[in-house]
Amino acid sequence: MPLHLAHKYTGHRIGDDEIAQARQNGGNKAATAAAIADACHALAGAESDLGRCADTVGAHLDEVRRALAAGPGDPAPTLNPIGVLQALGPRLDALTAQRATHITHLRALVRVWLAHHAPDIPTADQTERARHYAEVILAAIDNDISEGIVPVGIGSYVDLHRYLDANDYLIAAGVPYDGTRASIDLTVAVQGLVVARLRHGDRPYCTHGACAFPAHDHTTAYDPDGRDLSQAKPMRCRHCGQPAHYDARLDDYRHDDPATPDCFLIHRDD
């Protein structure tokens, strides 16, 4: 069973014996275990197909290199004039997208698995419980930031929901929810602590020259009057002057610092 992929893409080790034991126990844990096993098999299949497609493309590229490097009288492979990349490129792209979907699905399932196996936290001190859950969630967010799933400088749960299902963080941390007022109050308290920490002044945020998130553009080619510049320069909000960027994932402009107050042009829906 290719459970090593769960560790590769989530950082959490899940053994064959753990999956087998969960399946024997039945209930939600058994369903989650079966789903994780299926997700790992599907991901392994997608990666195998992607590898074969990449090898085929690579072989055609090697033929092109050999044909170009051949000298007078040297044997050279005959190149396909119809279009190798036109035939194989779309399949390569489709398999790459399929792999990404399987990885996202696997990460969500592992979060559910971790929620099922989270240590029981004493209920006596609600404040301490909320603090514990918030720390677990912040560590998960930082892990997703390091993997490029969400950008540095995420500032709220509303922002998180724009990139993924942020409820998965609550599930993975084991925050209990049964619809009662107590569980609702605990969830609100945990989210409040997470948001306060995300917006704390010592948290890093992405800005011009220090942003690796591929969907962000921190530059502009226009001056404040809309005239073309000779070269791009760091973007600033045209209303308040604070450093800003365009996020292609959100199709929207954002202030770099999540603690920057909303202005006439840029605001956060939270």
Protein backbone atom coordinates (compact mmCIF):
# COMPACT_ATOMS: atom_id res chain seq x y z
CA MET A 1 0.00 0.00 0.00
CA PRO A 2 1.63 3.32 -1.07
CA LEU A 3 1.04 5.06 2.29
CA HIS A 4 4.48 6.63 1.99
CA LEU A 5 2.75 9.21 -0.22
CA ALA A 6 0.75 10.41 2.79
CA HIS A 7 4.02 11.18 4.58
CA LYS A 8 5.56 12.67 1.45
CA TYR A 9 2.74 15.16 0.86
CA THR A 10 1.46 15.82 4.40
CA GLY A 11 4.42 15.17 6.68
CA HIS A 12 2.43 12.65 8.75
CA ARG A 13 3.31 8.95 8.91
CA ILE A 14 0.40 6.50 8.73
CA GLY A 15 1.30 2.83 8.85
CA ASP A 16 -0.34 -0.13 7.19
CA ASP A 17 -1.12 -1.57 10.62
CA GLU A 18 -2.88 1.64 11.67
CA ILE A 19 -5.05 1.57 8.54
CA ALA A 20 -5.85 -2.10 9.08
CA GLN A 21 -6.76 -1.56 12.73
CA ALA A 22 -9.01 1.40 11.89
CA ARG A 23 -10.80 -0.66 9.25
CA GLN A 24 -11.48 -3.39 11.80
CA ASN A 25 -12.91 -0.92 14.31
CA GLY A 26 -15.61 0.27 11.89
CA GLY A 27 -17.42 3.61 11.95
CA ASN A 28 -16.01 6.92 10.76
CA LYS A 29 -12.42 5.89 11.43
CA ALA A 30 -12.82 2.88 9.15
CA ALA A 31 -14.31 5.02 6.38
CA THR A 32 -11.46 7.53 6.69
CA ALA A 33 -8.84 4.76 6.63
CA ALA A 34 -10.36 3.25 3.48
CA ALA A 35 -10.52 6.67 1.83
CA ILE A 36 -6.86 7.38 2.63
CA ALA A 37 -5.82 4.01 1.19
CA ASP A 38 -7.84 4.65 -1.96
CA ALA A 39 -6.43 8.19 -2.28
CA CYS A 40 -2.87 6.90 -1.99
CA HIS A 41 -3.50 4.24 -4.66
CA ALA A 42 -5.08 6.84 -6.97
CA LEU A 43 -2.18 9.24 -6.44
CA ALA A 44 0.37 6.47 -7.05
CA GLY A 45 -1.39 5.60 -10.30
CA ALA A 46 -1.46 9.21 -11.45
CA GLU A 47 2.24 9.67 -10.66
CA SER A 48 3.10 6.44 -12.49
CA ASP A 49 1.18 7.57 -15.58
CA LEU A 50 2.74 11.02 -15.35
CA GLY A 51 6.21 9.50 -15.13
CA ARG A 52 5.63 7.36 -18.23
CA CYS A 53 4.30 10.36 -20.15
CA ALA A 54 7.27 12.47 -19.08
CA ASP A 55 9.67 9.69 -20.14
CA THR A 56 8.02 9.53 -23.58
CA VAL A 57 8.26 13.30 -24.00
CA GLY A 58 11.86 13.19 -22.79
CA ALA A 59 12.72 10.47 -25.31
CA HIS A 60 11.36 12.59 -28.17
CA LEU A 61 13.36 15.57 -26.92
CA ASP A 62 16.50 13.42 -26.85
CA GLU A 63 15.85 12.48 -30.48
CA VAL A 64 15.63 16.17 -31.36
CA ARG A 65 18.95 16.84 -29.59
CA ARG A 66 20.64 13.92 -31.36
CA ALA A 67 19.32 15.04 -34.74
CA LEU A 68 20.58 18.58 -34.21
CA ALA A 69 23.97 17.45 -32.92
CA ALA A 70 24.60 14.99 -35.77
CA GLY A 71 27.41 15.92 -38.11
CA PRO A 72 27.78 15.24 -41.83
CA GLY A 73 27.40 11.53 -42.44
CA ASP A 74 26.40 10.78 -38.82
CA PRO A 75 23.25 8.74 -38.27
CA ALA A 76 20.41 10.93 -37.07
CA PRO A 77 16.91 9.95 -35.95
CA THR A 78 13.97 10.94 -38.10
CA LEU A 79 11.86 13.53 -36.31
CA ASN A 80 8.08 13.46 -36.23
CA PRO A 81 6.92 16.52 -38.21
CA ILE A 82 3.30 16.27 -37.10
CA GLY A 83 3.84 17.59 -33.58
CA VAL A 84 4.91 15.47 -30.64
CA LEU A 85 4.02 18.03 -27.97
CA GLN A 86 0.63 18.63 -29.57
CA ALA A 87 -0.10 14.94 -29.04
CA LEU A 88 1.54 14.41 -25.64
CA GLY A 89 1.46 17.89 -24.11
CA PRO A 90 -2.27 17.91 -23.27
CA ARG A 91 -1.96 14.49 -21.61
CA LEU A 92 1.02 15.67 -19.58
CA ASP A 93 -0.94 18.73 -18.43
CA ALA A 94 -4.01 16.63 -17.61
CA LEU A 95 -2.00 14.16 -15.55
CA THR A 96 -0.25 16.99 -13.72
CA ALA A 97 -3.62 18.50 -12.81
CA GLN A 98 -4.96 15.08 -11.80
CA ARG A 99 -1.97 14.55 -9.51
CA ALA A 100 -2.52 17.94 -7.87
CA THR A 101 -6.19 17.08 -7.25
CA HIS A 102 -5.27 13.75 -5.66
CA ILE A 103 -2.73 15.47 -3.39
CA THR A 104 -5.29 18.04 -2.24
CA HIS A 105 -7.79 15.25 -1.53
CA LEU A 106 -5.21 13.22 0.38
CA ARG A 107 -4.26 16.20 2.53
CA ALA A 108 -7.90 16.76 3.46
CA LEU A 109 -8.32 13.08 4.40
CA VAL A 110 -5.17 13.09 6.53
CA ARG A 111 -6.50 16.11 8.40
CA VAL A 112 -9.66 14.16 9.18
CA TRP A 113 -7.53 11.18 10.24
CA LEU A 114 -5.53 13.38 12.61
CA ALA A 115 -8.77 14.73 14.07
CA HIS A 116 -9.90 11.17 14.81
CA HIS A 117 -6.60 10.45 16.54
CA ALA A 118 -6.09 13.78 18.31
CA PRO A 119 -5.23 13.53 22.03
CA ASP A 120 -8.09 14.22 24.40
CA ILE A 121 -7.77 17.68 26.00
CA PRO A 122 -9.22 18.15 29.50
CA THR A 123 -12.39 20.22 29.43
CA ALA A 124 -11.86 22.07 32.72
CA ASP A 125 -10.12 25.13 31.32
CA GLN A 126 -11.84 26.39 28.17
CA THR A 127 -9.29 29.17 27.73
CA GLU A 128 -6.41 26.71 27.76
CA ARG A 129 -8.26 24.40 25.37
CA ALA A 130 -8.84 27.23 22.91
CA ARG A 131 -5.18 28.23 23.14
CA HIS A 132 -4.07 24.67 22.47
CA TYR A 133 -6.29 24.28 19.42
CA ALA A 134 -5.20 27.67 18.06
CA GLU A 135 -1.53 26.68 18.32
CA VAL A 136 -2.18 23.44 16.42
CA ILE A 137 -4.06 25.33 13.69
CA LEU A 138 -1.37 27.99 13.36
CA ALA A 139 1.26 25.27 12.93
CA ALA A 140 -0.86 23.71 10.16
CA ILE A 141 -1.28 27.10 8.47
CA ASP A 142 2.47 27.73 8.63
CA ASN A 143 3.02 24.31 7.07
CA ASP A 144 0.66 25.17 4.20
CA ILE A 145 2.43 28.51 3.78
CA SER A 146 5.78 26.73 3.50
CA GLU A 147 4.29 24.47 0.80
CA GLY A 148 2.91 27.43 -1.16
CA ILE A 149 -0.74 26.46 -0.62
CA VAL A 150 -1.59 29.79 0.99
CA PRO A 151 0.51 32.98 0.90
CA VAL A 152 2.51 34.54 3.67
CA GLY A 153 0.46 37.30 5.27
CA ILE A 154 -2.88 35.48 5.33
CA GLY A 155 -4.96 37.56 7.72
CA SER A 156 -8.23 35.85 8.59
CA TYR A 157 -10.40 32.80 8.25
CA VAL A 158 -12.24 34.51 5.39
CA ASP A 159 -8.90 34.83 3.59
CA LEU A 160 -8.09 31.19 4.27
CA HIS A 161 -11.42 30.08 2.82
CA ARG A 162 -10.49 31.83 -0.43
CA TYR A 163 -7.63 29.37 -0.93
CA LEU A 164 -8.95 26.16 0.68
CA ASP A 165 -11.58 24.81 3.07
CA ALA A 166 -10.37 26.39 6.30
CA ASN A 167 -12.76 24.23 8.31
CA ASP A 168 -10.28 21.41 7.72
CA TYR A 169 -7.93 23.15 10.16
CA LEU A 170 -10.57 22.90 12.89
CA ILE A 171 -11.21 19.25 12.07
CA ALA A 172 -7.52 18.33 12.01
CA ALA A 173 -6.91 20.10 15.33
CA GLY A 174 -9.73 18.09 16.88
CA VAL A 175 -11.88 21.07 17.85
CA PRO A 176 -15.12 19.43 19.05
CA TYR A 177 -18.36 20.52 17.45
CA ASP A 178 -21.80 19.08 18.19
CA GLY A 179 -24.03 22.08 17.51
CA THR A 180 -24.29 23.07 21.18
CA ARG A 181 -23.68 26.62 22.37
CA ALA A 182 -20.56 25.46 24.21
CA SER A 183 -18.98 23.98 21.08
CA ILE A 184 -19.93 27.05 19.02
CA ASP A 185 -18.39 29.37 21.62
CA LEU A 186 -15.21 27.27 21.67
CA THR A 187 -14.93 27.35 17.88
CA VAL A 188 -15.41 31.13 17.83
CA ALA A 189 -12.79 31.53 20.55
CA VAL A 190 -10.29 29.38 18.66
CA GLN A 191 -10.83 31.26 15.41
CA GLY A 192 -10.48 34.57 17.24
CA LEU A 193 -7.12 33.52 18.68
CA VAL A 194 -5.93 32.31 15.27
CA VAL A 195 -6.92 35.56 13.54
CA ALA A 196 -5.34 37.68 16.29
CA ARG A 197 -2.10 35.75 15.89
CA LEU A 198 -2.16 35.97 12.10
CA ARG A 199 -2.43 39.74 12.35
CA HIS A 200 0.16 40.15 15.07
CA GLY A 201 2.97 42.53 14.23
CA ASP A 202 5.72 39.92 14.40
CA ARG A 203 4.12 37.69 11.74
CA PRO A 204 5.86 37.88 8.35
CA TYR A 205 3.94 39.00 5.30
CA CYS A 206 4.80 39.06 1.62
CA THR A 207 5.89 42.27 -0.02
CA HIS A 208 7.94 43.42 -2.98
CA GLY A 209 11.25 41.58 -3.16
CA ALA A 210 10.24 39.09 -0.44
CA CYS A 211 7.33 37.13 -1.89
CA ALA A 212 7.51 33.64 -3.34
CA PHE A 213 3.78 33.08 -3.87
CA PRO A 214 3.38 32.54 -7.64
CA ALA A 215 -0.07 34.16 -7.85
CA HIS A 216 1.12 37.49 -6.42
CA ASP A 217 2.36 40.45 -8.42
CA HIS A 218 3.84 43.21 -6.26
CA THR A 219 4.79 45.51 -9.13
CA THR A 220 3.05 48.08 -11.27
CA ALA A 221 3.88 49.56 -14.68
CA TYR A 222 1.80 52.73 -14.15
CA ASP A 223 2.29 55.88 -12.12
CA PRO A 224 -0.47 57.26 -9.84
CA ASP A 225 -1.93 59.15 -12.81
CA GLY A 226 -2.17 55.99 -14.92
CA ARG A 227 0.74 56.83 -17.22
CA ASP A 228 3.14 54.10 -18.37
CA LEU A 229 6.42 53.84 -16.46
CA SER A 230 9.73 53.11 -18.15
CA GLN A 231 10.15 50.16 -15.78
CA ALA A 232 7.99 48.40 -13.22
CA LYS A 233 8.16 49.54 -9.60
CA PRO A 234 6.75 48.27 -6.27
CA MET A 235 2.97 48.58 -6.14
CA ARG A 236 1.24 50.80 -3.62
CA CYS A 237 -2.46 51.25 -2.98
CA ARG A 238 -3.65 54.22 -5.02
CA HIS A 239 -5.87 55.38 -2.17
CA CYS A 240 -3.88 55.00 1.06
CA GLY A 241 -0.36 54.51 -0.33
CA GLN A 242 0.32 51.29 1.58
CA PRO A 243 2.32 48.50 -0.12
CA ALA A 244 -0.07 46.33 -2.12
CA HIS A 245 -0.20 43.52 -4.65
CA TYR A 246 -2.47 41.82 -7.15
CA ASP A 247 -3.50 38.26 -6.30
CA ALA A 248 -4.35 36.29 -9.44
CA ARG A 249 -5.93 33.50 -7.36
CA LEU A 250 -8.42 35.98 -5.88
CA ASP A 251 -8.53 38.24 -8.95
CA ASP A 252 -8.28 41.15 -6.52
CA TYR A 253 -5.89 43.70 -5.05
CA ARG A 254 -4.73 43.33 -1.45
CA HIS A 255 -2.65 45.28 1.03
CA ASP A 256 0.63 43.46 1.70
CA ASP A 257 0.30 43.73 5.48
CA PRO A 258 -2.91 42.00 6.68
CA ALA A 259 -3.00 44.44 9.62
CA THR A 260 -3.32 47.45 7.27
CA PRO A 261 -6.73 49.09 7.82
CA ASP A 262 -9.27 48.81 5.02
CA CYS A 263 -9.40 51.77 2.69
CA PHE A 264 -11.68 52.98 -0.09
CA LEU A 265 -10.07 50.72 -2.70
CA ILE A 266 -8.91 47.65 -0.78
CA HIS A 267 -10.77 45.87 2.00
CA ARG A 268 -11.09 42.39 3.48
CA ASP A 269 -14.47 40.73 3.83
CA ASP A 270 -14.07 39.81 7.49
